[in-house]
Structure formats: C-alpha cells, structure tokens
C-alpha cells in the first residue's frame, strides 16, 4: 500500500506514541536505501489551535 499510494495521517502527530510505533514498523520493512522514497508517501495534517 505504501508503495502505490500516499498515506495521510489526519489529526495525529509524530509525537503520538501509536503513530511512532506504526512508523517504526513501516520503516523496518524497507531497506535503508529506500527510506528516502517514503518521504513523499507519508503526509501528516495537523491542526494547531489559535493561541
């Protein structure tokens, strides 16, 4: 799925423990030379409330 389409994480942050675990699992499936490819496949949309 990650090779064919981008994945959007809506409303989650990289600091979320569960998201970090998912990303670690994903990264462990790819060889180091392919990690640069994933940068364009994982999109994070975060909402920051006005202060």
PDB file of N, CA and C in Angstrom:
ATOM      1  N   UNK A   1       0.823  -1.191   0.000  1.00  0.00           N
ATOM      2  CA  UNK A   1       0.000   0.000   0.000  1.00  0.00           C
ATOM      3  C   UNK A   1       0.869   1.259   0.000  1.00  0.00           C
ATOM      4  N   UNK A   2       1.961   1.272   0.734  1.00  0.00           N
ATOM      5  CA  UNK A   2       2.798   2.466   0.826  1.00  0.00           C
ATOM      6  C   UNK A   2       3.559   2.737  -0.463  1.00  0.00           C
ATOM      7  N   UNK A   3       3.761   1.729  -1.241  1.00  0.00           N
ATOM      8  CA  UNK A   3       4.493   1.905  -2.488  1.00  0.00           C
ATOM      9  C   UNK A   3       3.596   2.530  -3.542  1.00  0.00           C
ATOM     10  N   UNK A   4       2.327   2.153  -3.573  1.00  0.00           N
ATOM     11  CA  UNK A   4       1.424   2.597  -4.618  1.00  0.00           C
ATOM     12  C   UNK A   4       0.737   3.924  -4.331  1.00  0.00           C
ATOM     13  N   UNK A   5       0.445   4.216  -3.078  1.00  0.00           N
ATOM     14  CA  UNK A   5      -0.327   5.413  -2.735  1.00  0.00           C
ATOM     15  C   UNK A   5       0.255   6.115  -1.509  1.00  0.00           C
ATOM     16  N   UNK A   6       0.055   7.417  -1.443  1.00  0.00           N
ATOM     17  CA  UNK A   6       0.449   8.112  -0.212  1.00  0.00           C
ATOM     18  C   UNK A   6      -0.504   7.756   0.932  1.00  0.00           C
ATOM     19  N   UNK A   7      -0.032   7.867   2.141  1.00  0.00           N
ATOM     20  CA  UNK A   7      -0.848   7.622   3.325  1.00  0.00           C
ATOM     21  C   UNK A   7      -0.949   8.939   4.079  1.00  0.00           C
ATOM     22  N   UNK A   8      -2.167   9.316   4.439  1.00  0.00           N
ATOM     23  CA  UNK A   8      -2.392  10.575   5.147  1.00  0.00           C
ATOM     24  C   UNK A   8      -2.781  10.264   6.585  1.00  0.00           C
ATOM     25  N   UNK A   9      -2.052  10.857   7.518  1.00  0.00           N
ATOM     26  CA  UNK A   9      -2.378  10.761   8.939  1.00  0.00           C
ATOM     27  C   UNK A   9      -3.052  12.080   9.303  1.00  0.00           C
ATOM     28  N   UNK A  10      -4.344  12.062   9.466  1.00  0.00           N
ATOM     29  CA  UNK A  10      -5.120  13.268   9.717  1.00  0.00           C
ATOM     30  C   UNK A  10      -5.414  13.394  11.202  1.00  0.00           C
ATOM     31  N   UNK A  11      -4.933  14.478  11.787  1.00  0.00           N
ATOM     32  CA  UNK A  11      -5.204  14.735  13.190  1.00  0.00           C
ATOM     33  C   UNK A  11      -4.249  14.060  14.161  1.00  0.00           C
ATOM     34  N   UNK A  12      -3.180  13.482  13.644  1.00  0.00           N
ATOM     35  CA  UNK A  12      -2.197  12.831  14.508  1.00  0.00           C
ATOM     36  C   UNK A  12      -0.847  13.512  14.354  1.00  0.00           C
ATOM     37  N   UNK A  13      -0.028  13.371  15.338  1.00  0.00           N
ATOM     38  CA  UNK A  13       1.285  13.993  15.345  1.00  0.00           C
ATOM     39  C   UNK A  13       2.367  12.920  15.382  1.00  0.00           C
ATOM     40  N   UNK A  14       3.539  13.293  14.944  1.00  0.00           N
ATOM     41  CA  UNK A  14       4.679  12.375  15.049  1.00  0.00           C
ATOM     42  C   UNK A  14       5.022  12.071  16.496  1.00  0.00           C
ATOM     43  N   UNK A  15       4.562  12.907  17.414  1.00  0.00           N
ATOM     44  CA  UNK A  15       4.841  12.678  18.828  1.00  0.00           C
ATOM     45  C   UNK A  15       3.861  11.691  19.461  1.00  0.00           C
ATOM     46  N   UNK A  16       2.803  11.327  18.750  1.00  0.00           N
ATOM     47  CA  UNK A  16       1.841  10.340  19.244  1.00  0.00           C
ATOM     48  C   UNK A  16       2.521   8.974  19.308  1.00  0.00           C
ATOM     49  N   UNK A  17       2.445   8.314  20.442  1.00  0.00           N
ATOM     50  CA  UNK A  17       3.132   7.034  20.654  1.00  0.00           C
ATOM     51  C   UNK A  17       2.697   5.980  19.634  1.00  0.00           C
ATOM     52  N   UNK A  18       1.414   5.912  19.341  1.00  0.00           N
ATOM     53  CA  UNK A  18       0.906   4.892  18.422  1.00  0.00           C
ATOM     54  C   UNK A  18       1.358   5.152  16.986  1.00  0.00           C
ATOM     55  N   UNK A  19       1.400   6.414  16.599  1.00  0.00           N
ATOM     56  CA  UNK A  19       1.880   6.768  15.259  1.00  0.00           C
ATOM     57  C   UNK A  19       3.366   6.439  15.147  1.00  0.00           C
ATOM     58  N   UNK A  20       4.132   6.739  16.187  1.00  0.00           N
ATOM     59  CA  UNK A  20       5.561   6.434  16.182  1.00  0.00           C
ATOM     60  C   UNK A  20       5.785   4.925  16.036  1.00  0.00           C
ATOM     61  N   UNK A  21       4.978   4.125  16.715  1.00  0.00           N
ATOM     62  CA  UNK A  21       5.105   2.664  16.603  1.00  0.00           C
ATOM     63  C   UNK A  21       4.763   2.182  15.192  1.00  0.00           C
ATOM     64  N   UNK A  22       3.727   2.756  14.604  1.00  0.00           N
ATOM     65  CA  UNK A  22       3.354   2.393  13.233  1.00  0.00           C
ATOM     66  C   UNK A  22       4.488   2.737  12.278  1.00  0.00           C
ATOM     67  N   UNK A  23       5.045   3.927  12.420  1.00  0.00           N
ATOM     68  CA  UNK A  23       6.141   4.343  11.544  1.00  0.00           C
ATOM     69  C   UNK A  23       7.373   3.461  11.719  1.00  0.00           C
ATOM     70  N   UNK A  24       7.673   3.086  12.941  1.00  0.00           N
ATOM     71  CA  UNK A  24       8.809   2.185  13.173  1.00  0.00           C
ATOM     72  C   UNK A  24       8.591   0.849  12.473  1.00  0.00           C
ATOM     73  N   UNK A  25       7.363   0.339  12.541  1.00  0.00           N
ATOM     74  CA  UNK A  25       7.051  -0.921  11.864  1.00  0.00           C
ATOM     75  C   UNK A  25       7.196  -0.781  10.355  1.00  0.00           C
ATOM     76  N   UNK A  26       6.714   0.334   9.818  1.00  0.00           N
ATOM     77  CA  UNK A  26       6.822   0.579   8.378  1.00  0.00           C
ATOM     78  C   UNK A  26       8.282   0.669   7.967  1.00  0.00           C
ATOM     79  N   UNK A  27       9.056   1.458   8.702  1.00  0.00           N
ATOM     80  CA  UNK A  27      10.469   1.655   8.365  1.00  0.00           C
ATOM     81  C   UNK A  27      11.264   0.360   8.438  1.00  0.00           C
ATOM     82  N   UNK A  28      10.886  -0.525   9.333  1.00  0.00           N
ATOM     83  CA  UNK A  28      11.625  -1.782   9.466  1.00  0.00           C
ATOM     84  C   UNK A  28      11.418  -2.699   8.259  1.00  0.00           C
ATOM     85  N   UNK A  29      10.393  -2.434   7.461  1.00  0.00           N
ATOM     86  CA  UNK A  29      10.108  -3.258   6.279  1.00  0.00           C
ATOM     87  C   UNK A  29      10.892  -2.819   5.048  1.00  0.00           C
ATOM     88  N   UNK A  30      11.492  -1.650   5.090  1.00  0.00           N
ATOM     89  CA  UNK A  30      12.187  -1.116   3.931  1.00  0.00           C
ATOM     90  C   UNK A  30      13.693  -1.091   4.161  1.00  0.00           C
ATOM     91  N   UNK A  31      14.483  -1.373   3.139  1.00  0.00           N
ATOM     92  CA  UNK A  31      15.938  -1.221   3.283  1.00  0.00           C
ATOM     93  C   UNK A  31      16.294   0.267   3.396  1.00  0.00           C
ATOM     94  N   UNK A  32      17.412   0.554   4.029  1.00  0.00           N
ATOM     95  CA  UNK A  32      17.830   1.940   4.262  1.00  0.00           C
ATOM     96  C   UNK A  32      17.853   2.786   2.992  1.00  0.00           C
ATOM     97  N   UNK A  33      18.256   2.194   1.878  1.00  0.00           N
ATOM     98  CA  UNK A  33      18.356   2.969   0.640  1.00  0.00           C
ATOM     99  C   UNK A  33      16.986   3.369   0.092  1.00  0.00           C
ATOM    100  N   UNK A  34      15.920   2.755   0.570  1.00  0.00           N
ATOM    101  CA  UNK A  34      14.569   3.077   0.099  1.00  0.00           C
ATOM    102  C   UNK A  34      13.844   4.073   1.004  1.00  0.00           C
ATOM    103  N   UNK A  35      14.430   4.431   2.126  1.00  0.00           N
ATOM    104  CA  UNK A  35      13.736   5.295   3.078  1.00  0.00           C
ATOM    105  C   UNK A  35      13.451   6.678   2.509  1.00  0.00           C
ATOM    106  N   UNK A  36      14.309   7.180   1.662  1.00  0.00           N
ATOM    107  CA  UNK A  36      14.093   8.495   1.065  1.00  0.00           C
ATOM    108  C   UNK A  36      12.804   8.498   0.235  1.00  0.00           C
ATOM    109  N   UNK A  37      12.479   7.382  -0.375  1.00  0.00           N
ATOM    110  CA  UNK A  37      11.266   7.233  -1.163  1.00  0.00           C
ATOM    111  C   UNK A  37      10.012   7.476  -0.313  1.00  0.00           C
ATOM    112  N   UNK A  38      10.047   7.086   0.946  1.00  0.00           N
ATOM    113  CA  UNK A  38       8.872   7.206   1.811  1.00  0.00           C
ATOM    114  C   UNK A  38       8.536   8.644   2.177  1.00  0.00           C
ATOM    115  N   UNK A  39       9.490   9.548   2.065  1.00  0.00           N
ATOM    116  CA  UNK A  39       9.232  10.938   2.446  1.00  0.00           C
ATOM    117  C   UNK A  39       8.059  11.524   1.675  1.00  0.00           C
ATOM    118  N   UNK A  40       7.871  11.117   0.441  1.00  0.00           N
ATOM    119  CA  UNK A  40       6.775  11.635  -0.367  1.00  0.00           C
ATOM    120  C   UNK A  40       5.507  10.800  -0.252  1.00  0.00           C
ATOM    121  N   UNK A  41       5.543   9.771   0.541  1.00  0.00           N
ATOM    122  CA  UNK A  41       4.393   8.877   0.662  1.00  0.00           C
ATOM    123  C   UNK A  41       3.630   9.023   1.974  1.00  0.00           C
ATOM    124  N   UNK A  42       4.236   9.635   2.981  1.00  0.00           N
ATOM    125  CA  UNK A  42       3.586   9.802   4.279  1.00  0.00           C
ATOM    126  C   UNK A  42       3.291  11.279   4.492  1.00  0.00           C
ATOM    127  N   UNK A  43       2.014  11.621   4.642  1.00  0.00           N
ATOM    128  CA  UNK A  43       1.604  13.010   4.817  1.00  0.00           C
ATOM    129  C   UNK A  43       0.947  13.178   6.180  1.00  0.00           C
ATOM    130  N   UNK A  44       1.352  14.208   6.887  1.00  0.00           N
ATOM    131  CA  UNK A  44       0.766  14.494   8.194  1.00  0.00           C
ATOM    132  C   UNK A  44       0.041  15.835   8.121  1.00  0.00           C
ATOM    133  N   UNK A  45      -1.220  15.849   8.504  1.00  0.00           N
ATOM    134  CA  UNK A  45      -2.013  17.073   8.549  1.00  0.00           C
ATOM    135  C   UNK A  45      -2.354  17.310  10.010  1.00  0.00           C
ATOM    136  N   UNK A  46      -1.810  18.387  10.560  1.00  0.00           N
ATOM    137  CA  UNK A  46      -2.029  18.698  11.972  1.00  0.00           C
ATOM    138  C   UNK A  46      -2.756  20.022  12.091  1.00  0.00           C
ATOM    139  N   UNK A  47      -3.652  20.102  13.045  1.00  0.00           N
ATOM    140  CA  UNK A  47      -4.361  21.335  13.335  1.00  0.00           C
ATOM    141  C   UNK A  47      -3.767  21.951  14.586  1.00  0.00           C
ATOM    142  N   UNK A  48      -3.423  23.205  14.471  1.00  0.00           N
ATOM    143  CA  UNK A  48      -2.897  23.926  15.636  1.00  0.00           C
ATOM    144  C   UNK A  48      -3.882  25.036  15.979  1.00  0.00           C
ATOM    145  N   UNK A  49      -4.515  24.929  17.136  1.00  0.00           N
ATOM    146  CA  UNK A  49      -5.498  25.956  17.512  1.00  0.00           C
ATOM    147  C   UNK A  49      -4.813  27.299  17.708  1.00  0.00           C
ATOM    148  N   UNK A  50      -5.576  28.357  17.445  1.00  0.00           N
ATOM    149  CA  UNK A  50      -5.031  29.695  17.663  1.00  0.00           C
ATOM    150  C   UNK A  50      -4.834  29.912  19.148  1.00  0.00           C
ATOM    151  N   UNK A  51      -3.792  30.598  19.492  1.00  0.00           N
ATOM    152  CA  UNK A  51      -3.485  30.836  20.894  1.00  0.00           C
ATOM    153  C   UNK A  51      -4.105  32.087  21.388  1.00  0.00           C
TER     154      UNK A  51
END
